[in-house]
Amino acid sequence: MRIAGHILAYNVDRFLPHVVENCGRFVDKVFIVRPERPWAYAPGSRASRRNPTTREKVEEAIAAARLKGVNCEIEVISSDFETEEDTRNDCLDRAVGEGFDWLVIQDADEFYSDLSWERLLEFMALDRGHDRILTPWHNFWKTPELVLTNGRGSIRDVNAGFAIRCASGVRFETARRTTAAPTILVDEPCYHYGYVLSDAEMWEKITSWGHAHQVNAQKWFRLKWLGWTPGHSYLHPVTPLFWPKAIRFPGRQPAFASSFMHPSQETAPLGFVDFLENMLRDRATDVRIVARKILRRSTV
């Protein structure tokens, strides 16, 4: 069994050395895909912006991972596709062409414990009935000490994909989501630090990622990110009710979490107008939730 890892390197300077180490110790090859510019989801962004993670930063990350014992093959791919799915499919085609059995999808802000890696590899070696593997994940907020709850009140959700079988014909269809495939959830949690960012990193993300066209970036950044307090509700930028709250993480922190601990940044208290707008938006979400529950009961 040969496994390749797939890491996107856009605006991920702090994470990149650590994720190359986390992934590179367990796979045969790592493809680091470095887009030259943002994708085309935000109008005009490609004309004026470049990837904050430079090629030099990528090389530094590789060197740091080598010092930690990573000896797998690593290939850096410079790309300039307009969509996330095209970027990912290009890497998938390379993995297929080189004869890999599985392509692991591990974005730079995602991490697995060594024990989870070992169990996932064991499953991949034995499984014959599935072409896509999902894992649960914890989505952290501001710091690894805070985790987001989902609509069921759980701190566990399901990621969009951990690995796909290269010979299966599965393709990335929309961003990270793939075409239909026999899928299984393997209960080895991913620690996702995609919202453990500085204000500058968060602004770059929210205005350039694959959902940029689905978000009012300025409003979300001002009301939910900069103005956040523990009492804030409905934090997901695209579908607010997905993340009702950020709470203290009740589990044991893995060793790699220490790399992303940083002092909490000062929040900017919302002015009266912003406070009122935030409250009205949250109450509107409350109403939608209640309406859905009533509709669900009426159809039973």
C-alpha atoms as a PDB file:
ATOM      1  CA  MET A   1       0.000   0.000   0.000  1.00  0.00           C
ATOM      2  CA  ARG A   2       1.320   3.414  -1.009  1.00  0.00           C
ATOM      3  CA  ILE A   3      -0.162   6.594   0.446  1.00  0.00           C
ATOM      4  CA  ALA A   4       0.281  10.210  -0.581  1.00  0.00           C
ATOM      5  CA  GLY A   5      -0.560  13.240   1.545  1.00  0.00           C
ATOM      6  CA  HIS A   6      -2.139  16.364   0.065  1.00  0.00           C
ATOM      7  CA  ILE A   7      -1.517  19.701   1.842  1.00  0.00           C
ATOM      8  CA  LEU A   8      -2.669  23.107   0.621  1.00  0.00           C
ATOM      9  CA  ALA A   9      -0.245  25.893   1.496  1.00  0.00           C
ATOM     10  CA  TYR A  10      -2.082  29.225   1.380  1.00  0.00           C
ATOM     11  CA  ASN A  11      -1.768  31.662   4.317  1.00  0.00           C
ATOM     12  CA  VAL A  12      -0.467  28.908   6.630  1.00  0.00           C
ATOM     13  CA  ASP A  13       3.025  29.990   7.698  1.00  0.00           C
ATOM     14  CA  ARG A  14       2.542  29.046  11.370  1.00  0.00           C
ATOM     15  CA  PHE A  15       0.983  25.662  10.655  1.00  0.00           C
ATOM     16  CA  LEU A  16       3.041  24.379   7.755  1.00  0.00           C
ATOM     17  CA  PRO A  17       6.176  23.007   9.499  1.00  0.00           C
ATOM     18  CA  HIS A  18       3.997  21.172  12.007  1.00  0.00           C
ATOM     19  CA  VAL A  19       1.574  19.640   9.517  1.00  0.00           C
ATOM     20  CA  VAL A  20       4.393  18.435   7.234  1.00  0.00           C
ATOM     21  CA  GLU A  21       5.834  16.666  10.260  1.00  0.00           C
ATOM     22  CA  ASN A  22       2.439  15.349  11.376  1.00  0.00           C
ATOM     23  CA  CYS A  23       1.623  13.926   7.949  1.00  0.00           C
ATOM     24  CA  GLY A  24       5.093  13.196   6.564  1.00  0.00           C
ATOM     25  CA  ARG A  25       6.022  10.645   9.220  1.00  0.00           C
ATOM     26  CA  PHE A  26       3.187   8.360   8.104  1.00  0.00           C
ATOM     27  CA  VAL A  27       2.888   8.620   4.311  1.00  0.00           C
ATOM     28  CA  ASP A  28       5.157   7.744   1.412  1.00  0.00           C
ATOM     29  CA  LYS A  29       4.988  11.145  -0.236  1.00  0.00           C
ATOM     30  CA  VAL A  30       3.636  14.608   0.561  1.00  0.00           C
ATOM     31  CA  PHE A  31       2.336  16.904  -2.152  1.00  0.00           C
ATOM     32  CA  ILE A  32       2.475  20.496  -0.912  1.00  0.00           C
ATOM     33  CA  VAL A  33       0.269  22.523  -3.227  1.00  0.00           C
ATOM     34  CA  ARG A  34       1.061  26.229  -3.119  1.00  0.00           C
ATOM     35  CA  PRO A  35      -1.444  28.406  -5.028  1.00  0.00           C
ATOM     36  CA  GLU A  36       0.186  31.521  -6.428  1.00  0.00           C
ATOM     37  CA  ARG A  37      -2.958  33.629  -5.914  1.00  0.00           C
ATOM     38  CA  PRO A  38      -6.308  33.331  -4.139  1.00  0.00           C
ATOM     39  CA  TRP A  39      -9.034  31.388  -5.875  1.00  0.00           C
ATOM     40  CA  ALA A  40     -11.558  33.398  -7.852  1.00  0.00           C
ATOM     41  CA  TYR A  41     -14.426  33.248  -5.348  1.00  0.00           C
ATOM     42  CA  ALA A  42     -13.992  36.877  -4.246  1.00  0.00           C
ATOM     43  CA  PRO A  43     -14.269  39.240  -7.242  1.00  0.00           C
ATOM     44  CA  GLY A  44     -11.039  41.056  -8.015  1.00  0.00           C
ATOM     45  CA  SER A  45      -8.917  39.212  -5.463  1.00  0.00           C
ATOM     46  CA  ARG A  46      -6.684  37.527  -8.035  1.00  0.00           C
ATOM     47  CA  ALA A  47      -5.726  40.817  -9.643  1.00  0.00           C
ATOM     48  CA  SER A  48      -4.254  42.356  -6.519  1.00  0.00           C
ATOM     49  CA  ARG A  49      -3.310  39.615  -4.069  1.00  0.00           C
ATOM     50  CA  ARG A  50      -0.655  36.941  -3.779  1.00  0.00           C
ATOM     51  CA  ASN A  51      -0.272  33.994  -1.451  1.00  0.00           C
ATOM     52  CA  PRO A  52       1.110  35.217   1.910  1.00  0.00           C
ATOM     53  CA  THR A  53       2.891  31.855   2.257  1.00  0.00           C
ATOM     54  CA  THR A  54       5.920  32.270   0.000  1.00  0.00           C
ATOM     55  CA  ARG A  55       7.951  29.513  -1.639  1.00  0.00           C
ATOM     56  CA  GLU A  56      10.740  30.355   0.822  1.00  0.00           C
ATOM     57  CA  LYS A  57       8.372  29.706   3.727  1.00  0.00           C
ATOM     58  CA  VAL A  58       7.454  26.353   2.230  1.00  0.00           C
ATOM     59  CA  GLU A  59      11.122  25.382   1.935  1.00  0.00           C
ATOM     60  CA  GLU A  60      11.710  26.470   5.535  1.00  0.00           C
ATOM     61  CA  ALA A  61       8.796  24.304   6.651  1.00  0.00           C
ATOM     62  CA  ILE A  62      10.201  21.297   4.802  1.00  0.00           C
ATOM     63  CA  ALA A  63      13.637  21.842   6.340  1.00  0.00           C
ATOM     64  CA  ALA A  64      12.101  22.070   9.830  1.00  0.00           C
ATOM     65  CA  ALA A  65      10.181  18.837   9.266  1.00  0.00           C
ATOM     66  CA  ARG A  66      13.332  17.099   8.031  1.00  0.00           C
ATOM     67  CA  LEU A  67      15.054  18.026  11.287  1.00  0.00           C
ATOM     68  CA  LYS A  68      12.177  16.294  13.116  1.00  0.00           C
ATOM     69  CA  GLY A  69      12.812  13.048  11.250  1.00  0.00           C
ATOM     70  CA  VAL A  70      10.527  13.337   8.213  1.00  0.00           C
ATOM     71  CA  ASN A  71      12.229  11.429   5.387  1.00  0.00           C
ATOM     72  CA  CYS A  72       9.410  10.787   2.922  1.00  0.00           C
ATOM     73  CA  GLU A  73       9.446  12.264  -0.560  1.00  0.00           C
ATOM     74  CA  ILE A  74       8.069  15.821  -0.709  1.00  0.00           C
ATOM     75  CA  GLU A  75       7.023  17.620  -3.891  1.00  0.00           C
ATOM     76  CA  VAL A  76       6.034  21.287  -3.990  1.00  0.00           C
ATOM     77  CA  ILE A  77       3.459  22.133  -6.655  1.00  0.00           C
ATOM     78  CA  SER A  78       2.920  25.734  -7.699  1.00  0.00           C
ATOM     79  CA  SER A  79      -0.610  26.152  -9.031  1.00  0.00           C
ATOM     80  CA  ASP A  80      -2.868  28.944 -10.208  1.00  0.00           C
ATOM     81  CA  PHE A  81      -6.318  27.403 -10.614  1.00  0.00           C
ATOM     82  CA  GLU A  82      -9.429  29.506 -10.099  1.00  0.00           C
ATOM     83  CA  THR A  83     -11.296  26.995  -7.931  1.00  0.00           C
ATOM     84  CA  GLU A  84     -10.478  24.835  -4.950  1.00  0.00           C
ATOM     85  CA  GLU A  85     -11.768  21.663  -6.592  1.00  0.00           C
ATOM     86  CA  ASP A  86      -9.576  22.168  -9.674  1.00  0.00           C
ATOM     87  CA  THR A  87      -6.561  22.699  -7.418  1.00  0.00           C
ATOM     88  CA  ARG A  88      -7.272  19.505  -5.510  1.00  0.00           C
ATOM     89  CA  ASN A  89      -8.093  17.442  -8.613  1.00  0.00           C
ATOM     90  CA  ASP A  90      -4.754  18.398 -10.154  1.00  0.00           C
ATOM     91  CA  CYS A  91      -3.000  16.925  -7.126  1.00  0.00           C
ATOM     92  CA  LEU A  92      -5.256  13.857  -7.204  1.00  0.00           C
ATOM     93  CA  ASP A  93      -4.345  13.276 -10.864  1.00  0.00           C
ATOM     94  CA  ARG A  94      -0.671  13.354  -9.934  1.00  0.00           C
ATOM     95  CA  ALA A  95      -1.221  10.817  -7.159  1.00  0.00           C
ATOM     96  CA  VAL A  96      -3.167   8.542  -9.519  1.00  0.00           C
ATOM     97  CA  GLY A  97      -0.478   8.891 -12.180  1.00  0.00           C
ATOM     98  CA  GLU A  98       2.231   7.880  -9.721  1.00  0.00           C
ATOM     99  CA  GLY A  99       0.363   4.765  -8.660  1.00  0.00           C
ATOM    100  CA  PHE A 100      -0.635   5.672  -5.112  1.00  0.00           C
ATOM    101  CA  ASP A 101      -3.423   3.681  -3.481  1.00  0.00           C
ATOM    102  CA  TRP A 102      -4.784   6.461  -1.258  1.00  0.00           C
ATOM    103  CA  LEU A 103      -4.621  10.255  -1.195  1.00  0.00           C
ATOM    104  CA  VAL A 104      -4.880  11.701   2.302  1.00  0.00           C
ATOM    105  CA  ILE A 105      -6.479  15.151   2.417  1.00  0.00           C
ATOM    106  CA  GLN A 106      -4.868  17.032   5.281  1.00  0.00           C
ATOM    107  CA  ASP A 107      -5.160  20.788   5.199  1.00  0.00           C
ATOM    108  CA  ALA A 108      -2.382  22.633   6.969  1.00  0.00           C
ATOM    109  CA  ASP A 109      -4.490  23.381  10.054  1.00  0.00           C
ATOM    110  CA  GLU A 110      -5.531  19.748  10.651  1.00  0.00           C
ATOM    111  CA  PHE A 111      -3.731  17.283  12.906  1.00  0.00           C
ATOM    112  CA  TYR A 112      -4.025  13.675  14.078  1.00  0.00           C
ATOM    113  CA  SER A 113      -2.411  11.956  17.028  1.00  0.00           C
ATOM    114  CA  ASP A 114       0.218   9.305  16.304  1.00  0.00           C
ATOM    115  CA  LEU A 115      -2.160   6.623  17.592  1.00  0.00           C
ATOM    116  CA  SER A 116      -4.912   7.822  15.257  1.00  0.00           C
ATOM    117  CA  TRP A 117      -2.492   7.775  12.331  1.00  0.00           C
ATOM    118  CA  GLU A 118      -1.513   4.189  13.100  1.00  0.00           C
ATOM    119  CA  ARG A 119      -5.131   3.068  13.337  1.00  0.00           C
ATOM    120  CA  LEU A 120      -6.123   4.892  10.151  1.00  0.00           C
ATOM    121  CA  LEU A 121      -3.240   3.326   8.231  1.00  0.00           C
ATOM    122  CA  GLU A 122      -4.203  -0.108   9.523  1.00  0.00           C
ATOM    123  CA  PHE A 123      -7.776   0.436   8.388  1.00  0.00           C
ATOM    124  CA  MET A 124      -6.685   1.649   4.939  1.00  0.00           C
ATOM    125  CA  ALA A 125      -4.492  -1.408   4.472  1.00  0.00           C
ATOM    126  CA  LEU A 126      -7.323  -3.820   5.254  1.00  0.00           C
ATOM    127  CA  ASP A 127     -10.402  -2.076   3.828  1.00  0.00           C
ATOM    128  CA  ARG A 128     -11.697  -3.191   0.446  1.00  0.00           C
ATOM    129  CA  GLY A 129     -15.250  -1.865   0.466  1.00  0.00           C
ATOM    130  CA  HIS A 130     -14.902   1.907   0.699  1.00  0.00           C
ATOM    131  CA  ASP A 131     -13.465   4.592  -1.548  1.00  0.00           C
ATOM    132  CA  ARG A 132     -13.705   7.536   0.844  1.00  0.00           C
ATOM    133  CA  ILE A 133     -12.848   7.828   4.522  1.00  0.00           C
ATOM    134  CA  LEU A 134     -14.215  10.485   6.851  1.00  0.00           C
ATOM    135  CA  THR A 135     -13.147  11.223  10.400  1.00  0.00           C
ATOM    136  CA  PRO A 136     -14.759  13.202  13.201  1.00  0.00           C
ATOM    137  CA  TRP A 137     -13.166  16.506  14.072  1.00  0.00           C
ATOM    138  CA  HIS A 138     -12.999  19.143  16.756  1.00  0.00           C
ATOM    139  CA  ASN A 139     -13.195  22.700  15.415  1.00  0.00           C
ATOM    140  CA  PHE A 140     -11.266  25.072  17.663  1.00  0.00           C
ATOM    141  CA  TRP A 141     -11.943  28.784  18.061  1.00  0.00           C
ATOM    142  CA  LYS A 142      -9.271  31.441  18.700  1.00  0.00           C
ATOM    143  CA  THR A 143      -7.170  28.989  20.766  1.00  0.00           C
ATOM    144  CA  PRO A 144      -6.989  25.185  21.236  1.00  0.00           C
ATOM    145  CA  GLU A 145      -8.556  25.781  24.649  1.00  0.00           C
ATOM    146  CA  LEU A 146     -11.896  26.722  23.038  1.00  0.00           C
ATOM    147  CA  VAL A 147     -13.922  24.363  20.853  1.00  0.00           C
ATOM    148  CA  LEU A 148     -17.060  24.978  18.811  1.00  0.00           C
ATOM    149  CA  THR A 149     -20.278  23.116  19.457  1.00  0.00           C
ATOM    150  CA  ASN A 150     -22.543  21.942  16.666  1.00  0.00           C
ATOM    151  CA  GLY A 151     -26.325  22.133  16.370  1.00  0.00           C
ATOM    152  CA  ARG A 152     -26.706  19.035  18.565  1.00  0.00           C
ATOM    153  CA  GLY A 153     -24.574  20.527  21.313  1.00  0.00           C
ATOM    154  CA  SER A 154     -21.675  18.152  20.601  1.00  0.00           C
ATOM    155  CA  ILE A 155     -18.042  19.206  20.166  1.00  0.00           C
ATOM    156  CA  ARG A 156     -17.609  16.468  17.545  1.00  0.00           C
ATOM    157  CA  ASP A 157     -18.535  16.974  13.912  1.00  0.00           C
ATOM    158  CA  VAL A 158     -17.569  15.227  10.669  1.00  0.00           C
ATOM    159  CA  ASN A 159     -14.954  16.609   8.294  1.00  0.00           C
ATOM    160  CA  ALA A 160     -15.369  16.785   4.538  1.00  0.00           C
ATOM    161  CA  GLY A 161     -12.946  13.952   3.840  1.00  0.00           C
ATOM    162  CA  PHE A 162      -9.782  12.352   5.220  1.00  0.00           C
ATOM    163  CA  ALA A 163      -8.784  10.119   2.299  1.00  0.00           C
ATOM    164  CA  ILE A 164      -9.960   8.871  -1.081  1.00  0.00           C
ATOM    165  CA  ARG A 165      -8.937   5.748  -2.949  1.00  0.00           C
ATOM    166  CA  CYS A 166      -6.950   6.840  -5.975  1.00  0.00           C
ATOM    167  CA  ALA A 167      -8.176   4.170  -8.398  1.00  0.00           C
ATOM    168  CA  SER A 168     -11.843   4.674  -7.522  1.00  0.00           C
ATOM    169  CA  GLY A 169     -12.621   7.466  -9.973  1.00  0.00           C
ATOM    170  CA  VAL A 170     -13.743   9.744  -7.135  1.00  0.00           C
ATOM    171  CA  ARG A 171     -13.238  13.439  -7.922  1.00  0.00           C
ATOM    172  CA  PHE A 172     -13.359  16.639  -5.932  1.00  0.00           C
ATOM    173  CA  GLU A 173     -16.663  18.192  -6.935  1.00  0.00           C
ATOM    174  CA  THR A 174     -17.144  21.327  -4.827  1.00  0.00           C
ATOM    175  CA  ALA A 175     -14.180  22.567  -2.801  1.00  0.00           C
ATOM    176  CA  ARG A 176     -13.164  19.552  -0.679  1.00  0.00           C
ATOM    177  CA  ARG A 177     -16.373  17.617  -1.154  1.00  0.00           C
ATOM    178  CA  THR A 178     -16.213  14.761  -3.623  1.00  0.00           C
ATOM    179  CA  THR A 179     -18.485  12.938  -6.003  1.00  0.00           C
ATOM    180  CA  ALA A 180     -20.526  10.111  -4.532  1.00  0.00           C
ATOM    181  CA  ALA A 181     -18.521   7.176  -3.236  1.00  0.00           C
ATOM    182  CA  PRO A 182     -18.857   4.283  -0.768  1.00  0.00           C
ATOM    183  CA  THR A 183     -17.907   6.092   2.442  1.00  0.00           C
ATOM    184  CA  ILE A 184     -17.071   5.123   5.997  1.00  0.00           C
ATOM    185  CA  LEU A 185     -16.493   7.155   9.143  1.00  0.00           C
ATOM    186  CA  VAL A 186     -13.442   5.986  11.089  1.00  0.00           C
ATOM    187  CA  ASP A 187     -13.559   7.208  14.673  1.00  0.00           C
ATOM    188  CA  GLU A 188     -10.124   8.813  14.908  1.00  0.00           C
ATOM    189  CA  PRO A 189     -10.537  12.536  15.633  1.00  0.00           C
ATOM    190  CA  CYS A 190      -8.981  15.350  13.664  1.00  0.00           C
ATOM    191  CA  TYR A 191      -7.933  18.458  15.578  1.00  0.00           C
ATOM    192  CA  HIS A 192      -8.855  21.359  13.330  1.00  0.00           C
ATOM    193  CA  TYR A 193      -7.237  24.729  14.076  1.00  0.00           C
ATOM    194  CA  GLY A 194      -8.672  26.575  11.088  1.00  0.00           C
ATOM    195  CA  TYR A 195     -10.043  29.311  13.370  1.00  0.00           C
ATOM    196  CA  VAL A 196      -7.042  29.488  15.692  1.00  0.00           C
ATOM    197  CA  LEU A 197      -5.719  32.499  13.841  1.00  0.00           C
ATOM    198  CA  SER A 198      -4.541  36.040  14.333  1.00  0.00           C
ATOM    199  CA  ASP A 199      -6.864  38.798  13.174  1.00  0.00           C
ATOM    200  CA  ALA A 200      -4.746  39.333  10.044  1.00  0.00           C
ATOM    201  CA  GLU A 201      -4.713  35.599   9.233  1.00  0.00           C
ATOM    202  CA  MET A 202      -8.461  35.370   9.771  1.00  0.00           C
ATOM    203  CA  TRP A 203      -9.165  38.311   7.459  1.00  0.00           C
ATOM    204  CA  GLU A 204      -7.016  36.770   4.727  1.00  0.00           C
ATOM    205  CA  LYS A 205      -8.828  33.463   5.127  1.00  0.00           C
ATOM    206  CA  ILE A 206     -12.369  34.800   5.144  1.00  0.00           C
ATOM    207  CA  THR A 207     -11.772  36.903   2.032  1.00  0.00           C
ATOM    208  CA  SER A 208      -9.929  34.306  -0.049  1.00  0.00           C
ATOM    209  CA  TRP A 209     -11.096  30.771   0.835  1.00  0.00           C
ATOM    210  CA  GLY A 210     -13.472  28.552  -1.123  1.00  0.00           C
ATOM    211  CA  HIS A 211     -16.529  30.041   0.619  1.00  0.00           C
ATOM    212  CA  ALA A 212     -15.636  33.703   0.102  1.00  0.00           C
ATOM    213  CA  HIS A 213     -18.606  34.165  -2.227  1.00  0.00           C
ATOM    214  CA  GLN A 214     -20.998  32.854   0.438  1.00  0.00           C
ATOM    215  CA  VAL A 215     -19.975  35.194   3.261  1.00  0.00           C
ATOM    216  CA  ASN A 216     -20.399  38.862   4.059  1.00  0.00           C
ATOM    217  CA  ALA A 217     -16.769  38.957   5.154  1.00  0.00           C
ATOM    218  CA  GLN A 218     -16.704  42.466   6.614  1.00  0.00           C
ATOM    219  CA  LYS A 219     -19.837  41.941   8.696  1.00  0.00           C
ATOM    220  CA  TRP A 220     -18.870  38.507  10.025  1.00  0.00           C
ATOM    221  CA  PHE A 221     -15.325  39.629  10.779  1.00  0.00           C
ATOM    222  CA  ARG A 222     -16.542  42.696  12.683  1.00  0.00           C
ATOM    223  CA  LEU A 223     -19.488  41.152  14.555  1.00  0.00           C
ATOM    224  CA  LYS A 224     -18.400  37.577  15.180  1.00  0.00           C
ATOM    225  CA  TRP A 225     -14.610  37.594  15.088  1.00  0.00           C
ATOM    226  CA  LEU A 226     -13.362  40.938  16.377  1.00  0.00           C
ATOM    227  CA  GLY A 227     -16.305  41.463  18.703  1.00  0.00           C
ATOM    228  CA  TRP A 228     -16.507  37.893  20.008  1.00  0.00           C
ATOM    229  CA  THR A 229     -17.162  37.232  23.690  1.00  0.00           C
ATOM    230  CA  PRO A 230     -18.029  33.916  25.402  1.00  0.00           C
ATOM    231  CA  GLY A 231     -21.679  34.955  25.246  1.00  0.00           C
ATOM    232  CA  HIS A 232     -21.736  35.196  21.448  1.00  0.00           C
ATOM    233  CA  SER A 233     -23.855  32.731  19.474  1.00  0.00           C
ATOM    234  CA  TYR A 234     -23.986  31.328  15.935  1.00  0.00           C
ATOM    235  CA  LEU A 235     -20.382  31.697  14.871  1.00  0.00           C
ATOM    236  CA  HIS A 236     -20.165  29.794  11.591  1.00  0.00           C
ATOM    237  CA  PRO A 237     -19.484  32.284   8.770  1.00  0.00           C
ATOM    238  CA  VAL A 238     -21.615  30.528   6.141  1.00  0.00           C
ATOM    239  CA  THR A 239     -24.308  28.680   8.106  1.00  0.00           C
ATOM    240  CA  PRO A 240     -24.493  30.346  11.539  1.00  0.00           C
ATOM    241  CA  LEU A 241     -26.534  27.666  13.295  1.00  0.00           C
ATOM    242  CA  PHE A 242     -23.833  25.057  12.607  1.00  0.00           C
ATOM    243  CA  TRP A 243     -21.710  26.527  15.431  1.00  0.00           C
ATOM    244  CA  PRO A 244     -23.965  27.819  18.228  1.00  0.00           C
ATOM    245  CA  LYS A 245     -21.212  28.388  20.804  1.00  0.00           C
ATOM    246  CA  ALA A 246     -17.511  28.234  21.616  1.00  0.00           C
ATOM    247  CA  ILE A 247     -16.888  26.492  24.932  1.00  0.00           C
ATOM    248  CA  ARG A 248     -13.903  25.341  26.968  1.00  0.00           C
ATOM    249  CA  PHE A 249     -12.443  22.172  25.425  1.00  0.00           C
ATOM    250  CA  PRO A 250     -13.110  19.382  27.948  1.00  0.00           C
ATOM    251  CA  GLY A 251     -10.663  16.839  26.517  1.00  0.00           C
ATOM    252  CA  ARG A 252      -6.973  16.269  26.929  1.00  0.00           C
ATOM    253  CA  GLN A 253      -4.853  18.448  24.684  1.00  0.00           C
ATOM    254  CA  PRO A 254      -2.566  16.518  22.299  1.00  0.00           C
ATOM    255  CA  ALA A 255       1.112  17.409  22.335  1.00  0.00           C
ATOM    256  CA  PHE A 256       0.947  19.317  19.049  1.00  0.00           C
ATOM    257  CA  ALA A 257      -1.647  21.747  20.470  1.00  0.00           C
ATOM    258  CA  SER A 258       1.128  23.551  22.355  1.00  0.00           C
ATOM    259  CA  SER A 259       2.468  24.843  19.031  1.00  0.00           C
ATOM    260  CA  PHE A 260      -0.700  26.863  18.504  1.00  0.00           C
ATOM    261  CA  MET A 261      -1.279  28.250  21.961  1.00  0.00           C
ATOM    262  CA  HIS A 262      -0.968  32.013  21.931  1.00  0.00           C
ATOM    263  CA  PRO A 263      -2.248  34.759  24.200  1.00  0.00           C
ATOM    264  CA  SER A 264      -5.858  35.625  23.508  1.00  0.00           C
ATOM    265  CA  GLN A 265      -6.124  38.821  21.534  1.00  0.00           C
ATOM    266  CA  GLU A 266      -8.074  41.723  22.920  1.00  0.00           C
ATOM    267  CA  THR A 267     -11.591  41.792  21.554  1.00  0.00           C
ATOM    268  CA  ALA A 268     -13.123  45.049  20.413  1.00  0.00           C
ATOM    269  CA  PRO A 269     -16.397  45.609  22.318  1.00  0.00           C
ATOM    270  CA  LEU A 270     -19.265  46.075  19.907  1.00  0.00           C
ATOM    271  CA  GLY A 271     -20.723  49.542  19.625  1.00  0.00           C
ATOM    272  CA  PHE A 272     -24.442  49.946  20.223  1.00  0.00           C
ATOM    273  CA  VAL A 273     -25.391  49.647  16.534  1.00  0.00           C
ATOM    274  CA  ASP A 274     -23.228  46.555  16.014  1.00  0.00           C
ATOM    275  CA  PHE A 275     -24.489  45.047  19.281  1.00  0.00           C
ATOM    276  CA  LEU A 276     -28.080  45.556  18.166  1.00  0.00           C
ATOM    277  CA  GLU A 277     -27.404  44.117  14.701  1.00  0.00           C
ATOM    278  CA  ASN A 278     -25.655  41.088  16.168  1.00  0.00           C
ATOM    279  CA  MET A 279     -28.526  40.474  18.590  1.00  0.00           C
ATOM    280  CA  LEU A 280     -31.146  40.760  15.830  1.00  0.00           C
ATOM    281  CA  ARG A 281     -29.198  38.358  13.588  1.00  0.00           C
ATOM    282  CA  ASP A 282     -28.955  35.823  16.407  1.00  0.00           C
ATOM    283  CA  ARG A 283     -32.647  36.103  17.264  1.00  0.00           C
ATOM    284  CA  ALA A 284     -33.490  35.574  13.573  1.00  0.00           C
ATOM    285  CA  THR A 285     -31.438  32.382  13.670  1.00  0.00           C
ATOM    286  CA  ASP A 286     -33.321  31.321  16.817  1.00  0.00           C
ATOM    287  CA  VAL A 287     -36.593  31.767  14.943  1.00  0.00           C
ATOM    288  CA  ARG A 288     -35.352  29.675  12.016  1.00  0.00           C
ATOM    289  CA  ILE A 289     -34.359  26.866  14.368  1.00  0.00           C
ATOM    290  CA  VAL A 290     -37.753  26.864  16.072  1.00  0.00           C
ATOM    291  CA  ALA A 291     -39.536  26.961  12.708  1.00  0.00           C
ATOM    292  CA  ARG A 292     -37.559  23.964  11.502  1.00  0.00           C
ATOM    293  CA  LYS A 293     -38.442  21.992  14.624  1.00  0.00           C
ATOM    294  CA  ILE A 294     -42.146  22.802  14.199  1.00  0.00           C
ATOM    295  CA  LEU A 295     -42.050  21.849  10.516  1.00  0.00           C
ATOM    296  CA  ARG A 296     -40.259  18.609  11.323  1.00  0.00           C
ATOM    297  CA  ARG A 297     -42.875  17.656  13.925  1.00  0.00           C
ATOM    298  CA  SER A 298     -45.735  18.526  11.600  1.00  0.00           C
ATOM    299  CA  THR A 299     -44.436  16.160   8.920  1.00  0.00           C
ATOM    300  CA  VAL A 300     -43.994  13.193  11.254  1.00  0.00           C
END
